[in-house]
PDB file of N, CA and C in Angstrom:
ATOM      1  N   GLY A   1       0.141  -1.649  -0.356  1.00  0.00           N
ATOM      2  CA  GLY A   1      -0.075  -0.002  -0.075  1.00  0.00           C
ATOM      3  C   GLY A   1       1.199   1.218  -0.008  1.00  0.00           C
ATOM      4  N   ALA A   2       0.139   2.304  -0.533  1.00  0.00           N
ATOM      5  CA  ALA A   2       0.808   3.355  -0.251  1.00  0.00           C
ATOM      6  C   ALA A   2       1.103   4.128   1.107  1.00  0.00           C
ATOM      7  N   THR A   3       2.637   4.523   1.549  1.00  0.00           N
ATOM      8  CA  THR A   3       2.740   5.214   2.433  1.00  0.00           C
ATOM      9  C   THR A   3       3.174   6.503   2.316  1.00  0.00           C
ATOM     10  N   ALA A   4       3.447   6.828   3.309  1.00  0.00           N
ATOM     11  CA  ALA A   4       3.967   8.726   3.369  1.00  0.00           C
ATOM     12  C   ALA A   4       5.435   8.738   2.354  1.00  0.00           C
ATOM     13  N   GLY A   5       6.219   7.505   2.502  1.00  0.00           N
ATOM     14  CA  GLY A   5       7.390   7.746   2.031  1.00  0.00           C
ATOM     15  C   GLY A   5       6.920   7.894   0.668  1.00  0.00           C
ATOM     16  N   ASP A   6       5.919   7.048   0.126  1.00  0.00           N
ATOM     17  CA  ASP A   6       5.583   7.401  -1.039  1.00  0.00           C
ATOM     18  C   ASP A   6       5.144   8.852  -2.006  1.00  0.00           C
ATOM     19  N   LEU A   7       4.650   9.310  -0.793  1.00  0.00           N
ATOM     20  CA  LEU A   7       3.878  10.515  -1.333  1.00  0.00           C
ATOM     21  C   LEU A   7       4.871  11.566  -1.134  1.00  0.00           C
ATOM     22  N   ASP A   8       4.297  12.871  -1.698  1.00  0.00           N
ATOM     23  CA  ASP A   8       4.917  13.902  -2.195  1.00  0.00           C
ATOM     24  C   ASP A   8       5.170  14.687  -0.811  1.00  0.00           C
ATOM     25  N   GLU A   9       6.327  14.815   0.065  1.00  0.00           N
ATOM     26  CA  GLU A   9       6.730  14.876   1.046  1.00  0.00           C
ATOM     27  C   GLU A   9       6.642  16.493   1.374  1.00  0.00           C
ATOM     28  N   ASP A  10       6.858  17.342   0.554  1.00  0.00           N
ATOM     29  CA  ASP A  10       6.146  18.422   0.561  1.00  0.00           C
ATOM     30  C   ASP A  10       4.730  18.885   0.512  1.00  0.00           C
ATOM     31  N   LEU A  11       3.759  18.011  -0.406  1.00  0.00           N
ATOM     32  CA  LEU A  11       2.480  18.162  -0.379  1.00  0.00           C
ATOM     33  C   LEU A  11       1.920  18.607   1.446  1.00  0.00           C
ATOM     34  N   LEU A  12       2.520  16.666   1.698  1.00  0.00           N
ATOM     35  CA  LEU A  12       2.032  16.571   2.943  1.00  0.00           C
ATOM     36  C   LEU A  12       2.510  17.078   4.319  1.00  0.00           C
ATOM     37  N   PHE A  13       3.732  17.568   3.944  1.00  0.00           N
ATOM     38  CA  PHE A  13       4.187  18.772   4.912  1.00  0.00           C
ATOM     39  C   PHE A  13       3.281  20.031   4.730  1.00  0.00           C
ATOM     40  N   TYR A  14       2.763  20.464   3.853  1.00  0.00           N
ATOM     41  CA  TYR A  14       1.535  21.545   3.739  1.00  0.00           C
ATOM     42  C   TYR A  14       0.272  21.296   4.249  1.00  0.00           C
ATOM     43  N   LEU A  15       0.371  20.115   3.678  1.00  0.00           N
ATOM     44  CA  LEU A  15      -1.427  19.967   4.737  1.00  0.00           C
ATOM     45  C   LEU A  15      -1.135  19.526   6.236  1.00  0.00           C
ATOM     46  N   ARG A  16      -0.258  19.294   6.755  1.00  0.00           N
ATOM     47  CA  ARG A  16       0.104  18.587   7.927  1.00  0.00           C
ATOM     48  C   ARG A  16       0.550  19.523   8.668  1.00  0.00           C
ATOM     49  N   ALA A  17       1.029  21.007   8.368  1.00  0.00           N
ATOM     50  CA  ALA A  17       0.931  21.963   8.873  1.00  0.00           C
ATOM     51  C   ALA A  17      -0.032  23.240   9.120  1.00  0.00           C
ATOM     52  N   ARG A  18      -1.129  23.208   8.279  1.00  0.00           N
ATOM     53  CA  ARG A  18      -2.057  23.852   8.017  1.00  0.00           C
ATOM     54  C   ARG A  18      -3.445  22.813   9.052  1.00  0.00           C
ATOM     55  N   GLY A  19      -2.738  21.874   9.819  1.00  0.00           N
ATOM     56  CA  GLY A  19      -3.529  21.075  11.160  1.00  0.00           C
ATOM     57  C   GLY A  19      -4.435  20.105  10.927  1.00  0.00           C
ATOM     58  N   ILE A  20      -3.797  19.690   9.167  1.00  0.00           N
ATOM     59  CA  ILE A  20      -4.518  18.193   8.603  1.00  0.00           C
ATOM     60  C   ILE A  20      -3.668  16.858   9.162  1.00  0.00           C
ATOM     61  N   PRO A  21      -4.812  16.111   9.922  1.00  0.00           N
ATOM     62  CA  PRO A  21      -3.975  14.967  11.046  1.00  0.00           C
ATOM     63  C   PRO A  21      -3.455  14.624   9.489  1.00  0.00           C
ATOM     64  N   ALA A  22      -2.115  13.334   9.525  1.00  0.00           N
ATOM     65  CA  ALA A  22      -1.292  12.546   9.114  1.00  0.00           C
ATOM     66  C   ALA A  22      -2.396  11.454   8.296  1.00  0.00           C
ATOM     67  N   LYS A  23      -2.608  11.302   8.758  1.00  0.00           N
ATOM     68  CA  LYS A  23      -3.648  10.390   7.762  1.00  0.00           C
ATOM     69  C   LYS A  23      -5.158  10.711   7.450  1.00  0.00           C
ATOM     70  N   GLU A  24      -5.302  11.631   7.509  1.00  0.00           N
ATOM     71  CA  GLU A  24      -6.387  12.792   6.621  1.00  0.00           C
ATOM     72  C   GLU A  24      -5.545  13.017   5.490  1.00  0.00           C
ATOM     73  N   ALA A  25      -4.224  13.490   5.866  1.00  0.00           N
ATOM     74  CA  ALA A  25      -3.443  14.171   4.562  1.00  0.00           C
ATOM     75  C   ALA A  25      -2.792  13.279   3.952  1.00  0.00           C
ATOM     76  N   GLU A  26      -2.435  12.288   3.875  1.00  0.00           N
ATOM     77  CA  GLU A  26      -1.998  11.260   2.856  1.00  0.00           C
ATOM     78  C   GLU A  26      -3.657  10.807   2.629  1.00  0.00           C
ATOM     79  N   ALA A  27      -4.672  10.487   2.859  1.00  0.00           N
ATOM     80  CA  ALA A  27      -6.036   9.993   2.387  1.00  0.00           C
ATOM     81  C   ALA A  27      -6.543  10.918   1.247  1.00  0.00           C
ATOM     82  N   LEU A  28      -5.805  12.410   1.049  1.00  0.00           N
ATOM     83  CA  LEU A  28      -6.324  13.308   0.759  1.00  0.00           C
ATOM     84  C   LEU A  28      -5.235  13.276  -0.938  1.00  0.00           C
ATOM     85  N   LEU A  29      -4.025  13.163  -0.437  1.00  0.00           N
ATOM     86  CA  LEU A  29      -2.898  12.582  -1.474  1.00  0.00           C
ATOM     87  C   LEU A  29      -3.380  11.599  -2.351  1.00  0.00           C
ATOM     88  N   ILE A  30      -4.066  10.392  -1.326  1.00  0.00           N
ATOM     89  CA  ILE A  30      -3.986   9.412  -2.547  1.00  0.00           C
ATOM     90  C   ILE A  30      -5.323   9.225  -3.248  1.00  0.00           C
ATOM     91  N   GLN A  31      -6.010  10.058  -2.895  1.00  0.00           N
ATOM     92  CA  GLN A  31      -7.379  10.368  -3.731  1.00  0.00           C
ATOM     93  C   GLN A  31      -7.103  11.338  -4.855  1.00  0.00           C
ATOM     94  N   ALA A  32      -6.627  12.370  -4.552  1.00  0.00           N
ATOM     95  CA  ALA A  32      -5.865  12.888  -5.416  1.00  0.00           C
ATOM     96  C   ALA A  32      -5.013  11.952  -6.615  1.00  0.00           C
ATOM     97  N   PHE A  33      -3.919  11.400  -6.440  1.00  0.00           N
ATOM     98  CA  PHE A  33      -3.466  10.791  -7.052  1.00  0.00           C
ATOM     99  C   PHE A  33      -3.969   9.772  -7.892  1.00  0.00           C
ATOM    100  N   VAL A  34      -4.851   9.235  -7.397  1.00  0.00           N
ATOM    101  CA  VAL A  34      -5.756   8.144  -8.048  1.00  0.00           C
ATOM    102  C   VAL A  34      -7.188   8.660  -9.095  1.00  0.00           C
ATOM    103  N   GLY A  35      -7.139  10.047  -8.276  1.00  0.00           N
ATOM    104  CA  GLY A  35      -8.590  10.748  -9.339  1.00  0.00           C
ATOM    105  C   GLY A  35      -7.713  11.208 -10.720  1.00  0.00           C
ATOM    106  N   GLU A  36      -6.642  11.799 -10.564  1.00  0.00           N
ATOM    107  CA  GLU A  36      -5.857  12.161 -11.677  1.00  0.00           C
ATOM    108  C   GLU A  36      -5.689  10.706 -12.786  1.00  0.00           C
ATOM    109  N   ALA A  37      -5.676   9.739 -11.848  1.00  0.00           N
ATOM    110  CA  ALA A  37      -5.228   8.943 -12.665  1.00  0.00           C
ATOM    111  C   ALA A  37      -6.013   7.908 -13.935  1.00  0.00           C
ATOM    112  N   VAL A  38      -7.473   8.410 -12.692  1.00  0.00           N
ATOM    113  CA  VAL A  38      -8.376   7.534 -13.785  1.00  0.00           C
ATOM    114  C   VAL A  38      -9.262   8.233 -14.728  1.00  0.00           C
ATOM    115  N   GLU A  39      -8.588   9.947 -14.160  1.00  0.00           N
ATOM    116  CA  GLU A  39      -9.365  10.897 -15.231  1.00  0.00           C
ATOM    117  C   GLU A  39      -9.689  10.278 -16.344  1.00  0.00           C
ATOM    118  N   GLY A  40      -8.469   9.506 -17.036  1.00  0.00           N
ATOM    119  CA  GLY A  40      -8.184   9.270 -18.706  1.00  0.00           C
ATOM    120  C   GLY A  40      -9.587   7.558 -18.741  1.00  0.00           C
ATOM    121  N   ILE A  41     -10.247   7.548 -17.838  1.00  0.00           N
ATOM    122  CA  ILE A  41     -10.923   6.455 -18.063  1.00  0.00           C
ATOM    123  C   ILE A  41     -12.143   6.914 -19.342  1.00  0.00           C
ATOM    124  N   GLU A  42     -12.750   6.645 -20.244  1.00  0.00           N
ATOM    125  CA  GLU A  42     -13.466   7.213 -20.750  1.00  0.00           C
ATOM    126  C   GLU A  42     -14.748   6.472 -20.698  1.00  0.00           C
ATOM    127  N   HIS A  43     -15.046   5.786 -19.429  1.00  0.00           N
ATOM    128  CA  HIS A  43     -16.126   5.294 -19.647  1.00  0.00           C
ATOM    129  C   HIS A  43     -16.705   5.237 -17.574  1.00  0.00           C
ATOM    130  N   ALA A  44     -17.704   6.107 -17.936  1.00  0.00           N
ATOM    131  CA  ALA A  44     -18.092   6.720 -16.890  1.00  0.00           C
ATOM    132  C   ALA A  44     -18.708   5.883 -15.296  1.00  0.00           C
ATOM    133  N   ARG A  45     -18.939   5.247 -15.905  1.00  0.00           N
ATOM    134  CA  ARG A  45     -19.471   3.973 -14.427  1.00  0.00           C
ATOM    135  C   ARG A  45     -18.407   3.143 -13.696  1.00  0.00           C
ATOM    136  N   LEU A  46     -17.045   2.987 -15.080  1.00  0.00           N
ATOM    137  CA  LEU A  46     -16.267   2.091 -14.454  1.00  0.00           C
ATOM    138  C   LEU A  46     -15.012   3.234 -13.576  1.00  0.00           C
ATOM    139  N   ARG A  47     -15.106   4.645 -13.812  1.00  0.00           N
ATOM    140  CA  ARG A  47     -14.067   5.543 -13.520  1.00  0.00           C
ATOM    141  C   ARG A  47     -14.792   5.604 -11.974  1.00  0.00           C
ATOM    142  N   ASP A  48     -16.601   5.954 -11.926  1.00  0.00           N
ATOM    143  CA  ASP A  48     -16.868   5.901 -10.625  1.00  0.00           C
ATOM    144  C   ASP A  48     -16.590   4.893  -9.617  1.00  0.00           C
ATOM    145  N   VAL A  49     -17.204   3.904 -10.319  1.00  0.00           N
ATOM    146  CA  VAL A  49     -16.713   2.349  -9.420  1.00  0.00           C
ATOM    147  C   VAL A  49     -15.354   1.926  -8.995  1.00  0.00           C
ATOM    148  N   LEU A  50     -14.352   2.595  -9.589  1.00  0.00           N
ATOM    149  CA  LEU A  50     -12.873   2.857  -9.041  1.00  0.00           C
ATOM    150  C   LEU A  50     -12.724   3.700  -7.938  1.00  0.00           C
ATOM    151  N   MET A  51     -13.116   5.299  -8.026  1.00  0.00           N
ATOM    152  CA  MET A  51     -13.441   6.070  -7.335  1.00  0.00           C
ATOM    153  C   MET A  51     -13.944   6.068  -5.842  1.00  0.00           C
ATOM    154  N   GLU A  52     -14.966   4.894  -5.892  1.00  0.00           N
ATOM    155  CA  GLU A  52     -15.603   4.277  -4.697  1.00  0.00           C
ATOM    156  C   GLU A  52     -14.814   3.691  -4.057  1.00  0.00           C
ATOM    157  N   LYS A  53     -14.163   2.041  -4.785  1.00  0.00           N
ATOM    158  CA  LYS A  53     -13.258   1.426  -3.992  1.00  0.00           C
ATOM    159  C   LYS A  53     -12.551   2.309  -3.371  1.00  0.00           C
ATOM    160  N   VAL A  54     -11.773   3.276  -3.616  1.00  0.00           N
ATOM    161  CA  VAL A  54     -10.145   3.886  -3.524  1.00  0.00           C
ATOM    162  C   VAL A  54     -10.914   4.181  -1.815  1.00  0.00           C
ATOM    163  N   VAL A  55     -12.019   5.288  -1.844  1.00  0.00           N
ATOM    164  CA  VAL A  55     -12.494   5.709  -0.788  1.00  0.00           C
ATOM    165  C   VAL A  55     -13.059   4.745   0.216  1.00  0.00           C
ATOM    166  N   ALA A  56     -13.167   4.000  -0.127  1.00  0.00           N
ATOM    167  CA  ALA A  56     -14.405   2.553   1.070  1.00  0.00           C
ATOM    168  C   ALA A  56     -12.298   2.295   1.216  1.00  0.00           C
ATOM    169  N   TRP A  57     -11.344   1.811   0.270  1.00  0.00           N
ATOM    170  CA  TRP A  57     -10.053   1.404   1.304  1.00  0.00           C
ATOM    171  C   TRP A  57      -9.453   2.034   2.260  1.00  0.00           C
ATOM    172  N   LEU A  58      -9.845   3.727   1.954  1.00  0.00           N
ATOM    173  CA  LEU A  58      -9.433   4.626   2.231  1.00  0.00           C
ATOM    174  C   LEU A  58     -10.107   4.516   4.274  1.00  0.00           C
ATOM    175  N   LYS A  59     -11.043   4.818   3.966  1.00  0.00           N
ATOM    176  CA  LYS A  59     -11.641   4.961   4.645  1.00  0.00           C
ATOM    177  C   LYS A  59     -11.538   3.582   6.273  1.00  0.00           C
ATOM    178  N   GLU A  60     -11.253   2.163   5.352  1.00  0.00           N
ATOM    179  CA  GLU A  60     -10.553   0.815   6.041  1.00  0.00           C
ATOM    180  C   GLU A  60      -9.527   1.198   7.193  1.00  0.00           C
ATOM    181  N   ARG A  61      -8.591   2.276   5.700  1.00  0.00           N
ATOM    182  CA  ARG A  61      -7.603   2.856   6.869  1.00  0.00           C
ATOM    183  C   ARG A  61      -7.091   3.725   8.506  1.00  0.00           C
ATOM    184  N   GLU A  62      -8.364   3.847   8.150  1.00  0.00           N
ATOM    185  CA  GLU A  62      -8.746   4.851   9.055  1.00  0.00           C
ATOM    186  C   GLU A  62      -8.457   4.365  10.735  1.00  0.00           C
TER     187      GLU A  62
END
């Protein structure tokens, strides 16, 4: 899975400096990364399902 070491440390620092807890900051960055990755998928339902799975996985990590 993704760890803080895999994420952009500057962005993580920026979010943490604004009071966002570490797990939440990581989740935001992961969700943004995956969102960009699936953006190019033409099939809207597939994009939605993938993002739903990512959000569910991130909630399980909490």
